[in-house]
Amino acid sequence: MSQVEPWVVLSFCSIIFFIGFTGLLIRRNILVVLMCIELMLNAVNLTFVTYAKLLQNLGGQVAVFFIITVAAAETAVGLGLVVAMFRTLRSVDTDQIQLLRE
């Protein structure tokens, strides 16, 4: 079985990360913004796993475990906030968040 070169995986990770970052900057829907943040976190997770395998160290995989835990909590809290915002404003557009400050 052939192995994938680390530079190929790291290139894929950087592409996925910048797709998520671009979506975070461009999109206005909060659900899409949350998905872009998850995409960025998964790209970082794949990078950690790649370096952990390359360096024969389990530290990267332990970091991935904690990142997945934080991402799950972020998703739960974020979706709760989105539901509360939709009930109040009837929209999930990021421009409507300005109204919550008043």
N, C-alpha and C. Protein backbone atom coordinates (compact mmCIF):
# COMPACT_ATOMS: atom_id res chain seq x y z
N MET A 1 0.85 -1.17 0.00
CA MET A 1 0.00 0.00 0.00
C MET A 1 0.89 1.23 0.00
N SER A 2 0.64 2.14 -0.90
CA SER A 2 1.46 3.35 -1.00
C SER A 2 0.97 4.40 -0.01
N GLN A 3 1.92 5.21 0.45
CA GLN A 3 1.59 6.27 1.39
C GLN A 3 1.56 7.60 0.65
N VAL A 4 0.75 8.49 1.15
CA VAL A 4 0.65 9.83 0.58
C VAL A 4 1.78 10.68 1.17
N GLU A 5 2.42 11.44 0.34
CA GLU A 5 3.50 12.31 0.80
C GLU A 5 2.95 13.39 1.72
N PRO A 6 3.71 13.76 2.76
CA PRO A 6 3.23 14.78 3.70
C PRO A 6 2.96 16.14 3.04
N TRP A 7 3.74 16.51 2.04
CA TRP A 7 3.52 17.82 1.41
C TRP A 7 2.19 17.85 0.67
N VAL A 8 1.72 16.70 0.18
CA VAL A 8 0.42 16.65 -0.50
C VAL A 8 -0.70 16.89 0.52
N VAL A 9 -0.59 16.24 1.67
CA VAL A 9 -1.61 16.40 2.70
C VAL A 9 -1.60 17.83 3.24
N LEU A 10 -0.41 18.39 3.46
CA LEU A 10 -0.32 19.75 3.98
C LEU A 10 -0.82 20.78 2.96
N SER A 11 -0.60 20.52 1.69
CA SER A 11 -1.15 21.40 0.66
C SER A 11 -2.68 21.34 0.66
N PHE A 12 -3.21 20.14 0.78
CA PHE A 12 -4.66 19.97 0.87
C PHE A 12 -5.21 20.69 2.10
N CYS A 13 -4.51 20.58 3.22
CA CYS A 13 -4.95 21.26 4.45
C CYS A 13 -4.96 22.77 4.27
N SER A 14 -3.94 23.30 3.63
CA SER A 14 -3.90 24.76 3.45
C SER A 14 -5.00 25.22 2.50
N ILE A 15 -5.29 24.45 1.49
CA ILE A 15 -6.38 24.80 0.57
C ILE A 15 -7.72 24.79 1.30
N ILE A 16 -7.96 23.74 2.08
CA ILE A 16 -9.21 23.63 2.84
C ILE A 16 -9.32 24.76 3.87
N PHE A 17 -8.20 25.09 4.54
CA PHE A 17 -8.22 26.16 5.52
C PHE A 17 -8.57 27.50 4.86
N PHE A 18 -7.97 27.80 3.71
CA PHE A 18 -8.23 29.08 3.07
C PHE A 18 -9.61 29.13 2.43
N ILE A 19 -10.17 28.01 2.04
CA ILE A 19 -11.56 27.99 1.60
C ILE A 19 -12.47 28.36 2.76
N GLY A 20 -12.21 27.79 3.94
CA GLY A 20 -12.99 28.14 5.12
C GLY A 20 -12.80 29.59 5.52
N PHE A 21 -11.57 30.09 5.44
CA PHE A 21 -11.29 31.47 5.81
C PHE A 21 -11.96 32.44 4.84
N THR A 22 -11.94 32.12 3.56
CA THR A 22 -12.61 32.96 2.57
C THR A 22 -14.12 32.97 2.81
N GLY A 23 -14.68 31.81 3.08
CA GLY A 23 -16.10 31.74 3.39
C GLY A 23 -16.46 32.51 4.64
N LEU A 24 -15.56 32.50 5.62
CA LEU A 24 -15.78 33.25 6.86
C LEU A 24 -15.83 34.75 6.59
N LEU A 25 -14.99 35.22 5.68
CA LEU A 25 -14.95 36.65 5.37
C LEU A 25 -16.07 37.10 4.44
N ILE A 26 -16.49 36.23 3.55
CA ILE A 26 -17.42 36.65 2.49
C ILE A 26 -18.88 36.42 2.86
N ARG A 27 -19.18 35.27 3.44
CA ARG A 27 -20.58 34.90 3.65
C ARG A 27 -21.24 35.71 4.76
N ARG A 28 -22.56 35.86 4.68
CA ARG A 28 -23.31 36.63 5.66
C ARG A 28 -24.23 35.77 6.53
N ASN A 29 -24.49 34.55 6.12
CA ASN A 29 -25.36 33.67 6.87
C ASN A 29 -24.57 33.05 8.03
N ILE A 30 -25.10 33.13 9.23
CA ILE A 30 -24.37 32.66 10.40
C ILE A 30 -24.14 31.15 10.35
N LEU A 31 -25.08 30.40 9.82
CA LEU A 31 -24.89 28.96 9.72
C LEU A 31 -23.72 28.62 8.79
N VAL A 32 -23.60 29.33 7.70
CA VAL A 32 -22.48 29.11 6.79
C VAL A 32 -21.17 29.54 7.44
N VAL A 33 -21.20 30.62 8.21
CA VAL A 33 -19.99 31.07 8.92
C VAL A 33 -19.55 30.00 9.92
N LEU A 34 -20.50 29.40 10.65
CA LEU A 34 -20.15 28.33 11.58
C LEU A 34 -19.57 27.11 10.85
N MET A 35 -20.12 26.80 9.69
CA MET A 35 -19.57 25.68 8.91
C MET A 35 -18.17 26.00 8.41
N CYS A 36 -17.90 27.25 8.07
CA CYS A 36 -16.56 27.64 7.64
C CYS A 36 -15.55 27.54 8.78
N ILE A 37 -15.99 27.89 9.99
CA ILE A 37 -15.12 27.74 11.15
C ILE A 37 -14.81 26.27 11.39
N GLU A 38 -15.81 25.42 11.25
CA GLU A 38 -15.59 23.98 11.40
C GLU A 38 -14.64 23.45 10.32
N LEU A 39 -14.76 23.96 9.12
CA LEU A 39 -13.86 23.55 8.04
C LEU A 39 -12.42 23.94 8.36
N MET A 40 -12.24 25.14 8.90
CA MET A 40 -10.91 25.58 9.28
C MET A 40 -10.35 24.71 10.41
N LEU A 41 -11.17 24.39 11.39
CA LEU A 41 -10.71 23.53 12.49
C LEU A 41 -10.34 22.13 12.00
N ASN A 42 -11.10 21.60 11.06
CA ASN A 42 -10.77 20.28 10.52
C ASN A 42 -9.49 20.30 9.70
N ALA A 43 -9.22 21.40 9.01
CA ALA A 43 -7.95 21.51 8.29
C ALA A 43 -6.78 21.53 9.27
N VAL A 44 -6.94 22.23 10.38
CA VAL A 44 -5.89 22.25 11.40
C VAL A 44 -5.73 20.87 12.02
N ASN A 45 -6.84 20.17 12.25
CA ASN A 45 -6.76 18.81 12.80
C ASN A 45 -5.98 17.88 11.87
N LEU A 46 -6.25 17.96 10.60
CA LEU A 46 -5.53 17.12 9.64
C LEU A 46 -4.05 17.47 9.60
N THR A 47 -3.73 18.74 9.76
CA THR A 47 -2.33 19.16 9.83
C THR A 47 -1.65 18.58 11.07
N PHE A 48 -2.32 18.64 12.22
CA PHE A 48 -1.76 18.05 13.44
C PHE A 48 -1.52 16.56 13.29
N VAL A 49 -2.48 15.85 12.70
CA VAL A 49 -2.32 14.41 12.52
C VAL A 49 -1.18 14.10 11.56
N THR A 50 -1.03 14.91 10.53
CA THR A 50 0.06 14.70 9.58
C THR A 50 1.41 14.88 10.25
N TYR A 51 1.56 15.94 11.02
CA TYR A 51 2.83 16.15 11.71
C TYR A 51 3.06 15.11 12.80
N ALA A 52 2.01 14.66 13.45
CA ALA A 52 2.16 13.61 14.46
C ALA A 52 2.68 12.32 13.83
N LYS A 53 2.16 11.99 12.65
CA LYS A 53 2.63 10.79 11.95
C LYS A 53 4.05 10.99 11.44
N LEU A 54 4.34 12.18 10.93
CA LEU A 54 5.66 12.46 10.38
C LEU A 54 6.73 12.42 11.46
N LEU A 55 6.42 12.96 12.64
CA LEU A 55 7.39 13.03 13.73
C LEU A 55 7.29 11.85 14.70
N GLN A 56 6.38 10.91 14.44
CA GLN A 56 6.17 9.75 15.30
C GLN A 56 5.93 10.17 16.75
N ASN A 57 5.01 11.13 16.93
CA ASN A 57 4.69 11.68 18.24
C ASN A 57 3.17 11.71 18.39
N LEU A 58 2.66 11.35 19.54
CA LEU A 58 1.22 11.32 19.76
C LEU A 58 0.66 12.67 20.20
N GLY A 59 1.51 13.66 20.40
CA GLY A 59 1.05 14.97 20.87
C GLY A 59 0.07 15.62 19.91
N GLY A 60 0.27 15.47 18.62
CA GLY A 60 -0.64 16.04 17.64
C GLY A 60 -2.02 15.40 17.68
N GLN A 61 -2.05 14.10 17.91
CA GLN A 61 -3.33 13.41 17.99
C GLN A 61 -4.08 13.76 19.26
N VAL A 62 -3.36 14.00 20.34
CA VAL A 62 -4.01 14.46 21.58
C VAL A 62 -4.59 15.85 21.38
N ALA A 63 -3.85 16.72 20.68
CA ALA A 63 -4.35 18.06 20.38
C ALA A 63 -5.62 17.99 19.53
N VAL A 64 -5.66 17.06 18.59
CA VAL A 64 -6.84 16.88 17.74
C VAL A 64 -8.05 16.49 18.59
N PHE A 65 -7.84 15.63 19.57
CA PHE A 65 -8.93 15.22 20.45
C PHE A 65 -9.52 16.43 21.17
N PHE A 66 -8.68 17.32 21.68
CA PHE A 66 -9.17 18.50 22.38
C PHE A 66 -9.82 19.49 21.42
N ILE A 67 -9.29 19.61 20.22
CA ILE A 67 -9.88 20.52 19.24
C ILE A 67 -11.27 20.04 18.83
N ILE A 68 -11.43 18.74 18.66
CA ILE A 68 -12.75 18.20 18.32
C ILE A 68 -13.73 18.44 19.45
N THR A 69 -13.27 18.31 20.70
CA THR A 69 -14.13 18.58 21.85
C THR A 69 -14.57 20.04 21.88
N VAL A 70 -13.63 20.95 21.67
CA VAL A 70 -13.95 22.38 21.65
C VAL A 70 -14.87 22.71 20.47
N ALA A 71 -14.65 22.08 19.33
CA ALA A 71 -15.50 22.33 18.16
C ALA A 71 -16.93 21.86 18.41
N ALA A 72 -17.09 20.75 19.10
CA ALA A 72 -18.44 20.28 19.42
C ALA A 72 -19.15 21.24 20.36
N ALA A 73 -18.43 21.75 21.34
CA ALA A 73 -19.03 22.72 22.26
C ALA A 73 -19.35 24.02 21.53
N GLU A 74 -18.46 24.44 20.65
CA GLU A 74 -18.69 25.67 19.87
C GLU A 74 -19.92 25.51 18.98
N THR A 75 -20.10 24.35 18.42
CA THR A 75 -21.26 24.12 17.56
C THR A 75 -22.55 24.16 18.37
N ALA A 76 -22.54 23.54 19.54
CA ALA A 76 -23.74 23.53 20.37
C ALA A 76 -24.11 24.94 20.82
N VAL A 77 -23.14 25.70 21.30
CA VAL A 77 -23.40 27.07 21.74
C VAL A 77 -23.78 27.95 20.56
N GLY A 78 -23.07 27.80 19.45
CA GLY A 78 -23.35 28.61 18.26
C GLY A 78 -24.75 28.36 17.72
N LEU A 79 -25.16 27.11 17.65
CA LEU A 79 -26.50 26.82 17.15
C LEU A 79 -27.58 27.33 18.11
N GLY A 80 -27.29 27.29 19.41
CA GLY A 80 -28.23 27.87 20.38
C GLY A 80 -28.38 29.37 20.17
N LEU A 81 -27.28 30.04 19.93
CA LEU A 81 -27.34 31.48 19.66
C LEU A 81 -28.06 31.79 18.35
N VAL A 82 -27.84 30.95 17.34
CA VAL A 82 -28.52 31.16 16.06
C VAL A 82 -30.02 30.99 16.21
N VAL A 83 -30.46 29.99 16.97
CA VAL A 83 -31.89 29.78 17.19
C VAL A 83 -32.49 30.96 17.95
N ALA A 84 -31.79 31.45 18.97
CA ALA A 84 -32.29 32.60 19.73
C ALA A 84 -32.35 33.85 18.85
N MET A 85 -31.34 34.02 18.00
CA MET A 85 -31.35 35.18 17.11
C MET A 85 -32.46 35.08 16.08
N PHE A 86 -32.70 33.87 15.56
CA PHE A 86 -33.77 33.72 14.57
C PHE A 86 -35.13 33.97 15.20
N ARG A 87 -35.32 33.55 16.43
CA ARG A 87 -36.60 33.80 17.10
C ARG A 87 -36.84 35.28 17.34
N THR A 88 -35.77 36.02 17.59
CA THR A 88 -35.90 37.45 17.87
C THR A 88 -36.01 38.27 16.59
N LEU A 89 -35.11 38.02 15.63
CA LEU A 89 -35.01 38.89 14.45
C LEU A 89 -35.62 38.30 13.18
N ARG A 90 -35.97 37.01 13.20
CA ARG A 90 -36.49 36.32 12.01
C ARG A 90 -35.49 36.33 10.85
N SER A 91 -34.20 36.35 11.20
CA SER A 91 -33.14 36.32 10.19
C SER A 91 -31.88 35.75 10.82
N VAL A 92 -31.04 35.14 10.01
CA VAL A 92 -29.74 34.67 10.48
C VAL A 92 -28.62 35.36 9.72
N ASP A 93 -28.87 36.57 9.29
CA ASP A 93 -27.90 37.36 8.55
C ASP A 93 -26.97 38.06 9.53
N THR A 94 -25.67 38.08 9.24
CA THR A 94 -24.72 38.68 10.17
C THR A 94 -24.89 40.19 10.28
N ASP A 95 -25.52 40.82 9.32
CA ASP A 95 -25.76 42.26 9.42
C ASP A 95 -26.79 42.57 10.50
N GLN A 96 -27.65 41.63 10.82
CA GLN A 96 -28.67 41.83 11.83
C GLN A 96 -28.12 41.77 13.26
N ILE A 97 -26.91 41.28 13.42
CA ILE A 97 -26.31 41.20 14.75
C ILE A 97 -26.11 42.59 15.35
N GLN A 98 -25.94 43.59 14.53
CA GLN A 98 -25.77 44.97 15.02
C GLN A 98 -26.95 45.41 15.87
N LEU A 99 -28.12 44.86 15.60
CA LEU A 99 -29.32 45.24 16.35
C LEU A 99 -29.29 44.71 17.78
N LEU A 100 -28.50 43.69 18.05
CA LEU A 100 -28.45 43.12 19.38
C LEU A 100 -27.68 44.01 20.34
N ARG A 101 -26.87 44.93 19.86
CA ARG A 101 -26.10 45.82 20.72
C ARG A 101 -26.95 46.91 21.33
N GLU A 102 -28.04 47.27 20.71
CA GLU A 102 -28.85 48.40 21.17
C GLU A 102 -29.68 48.07 22.37
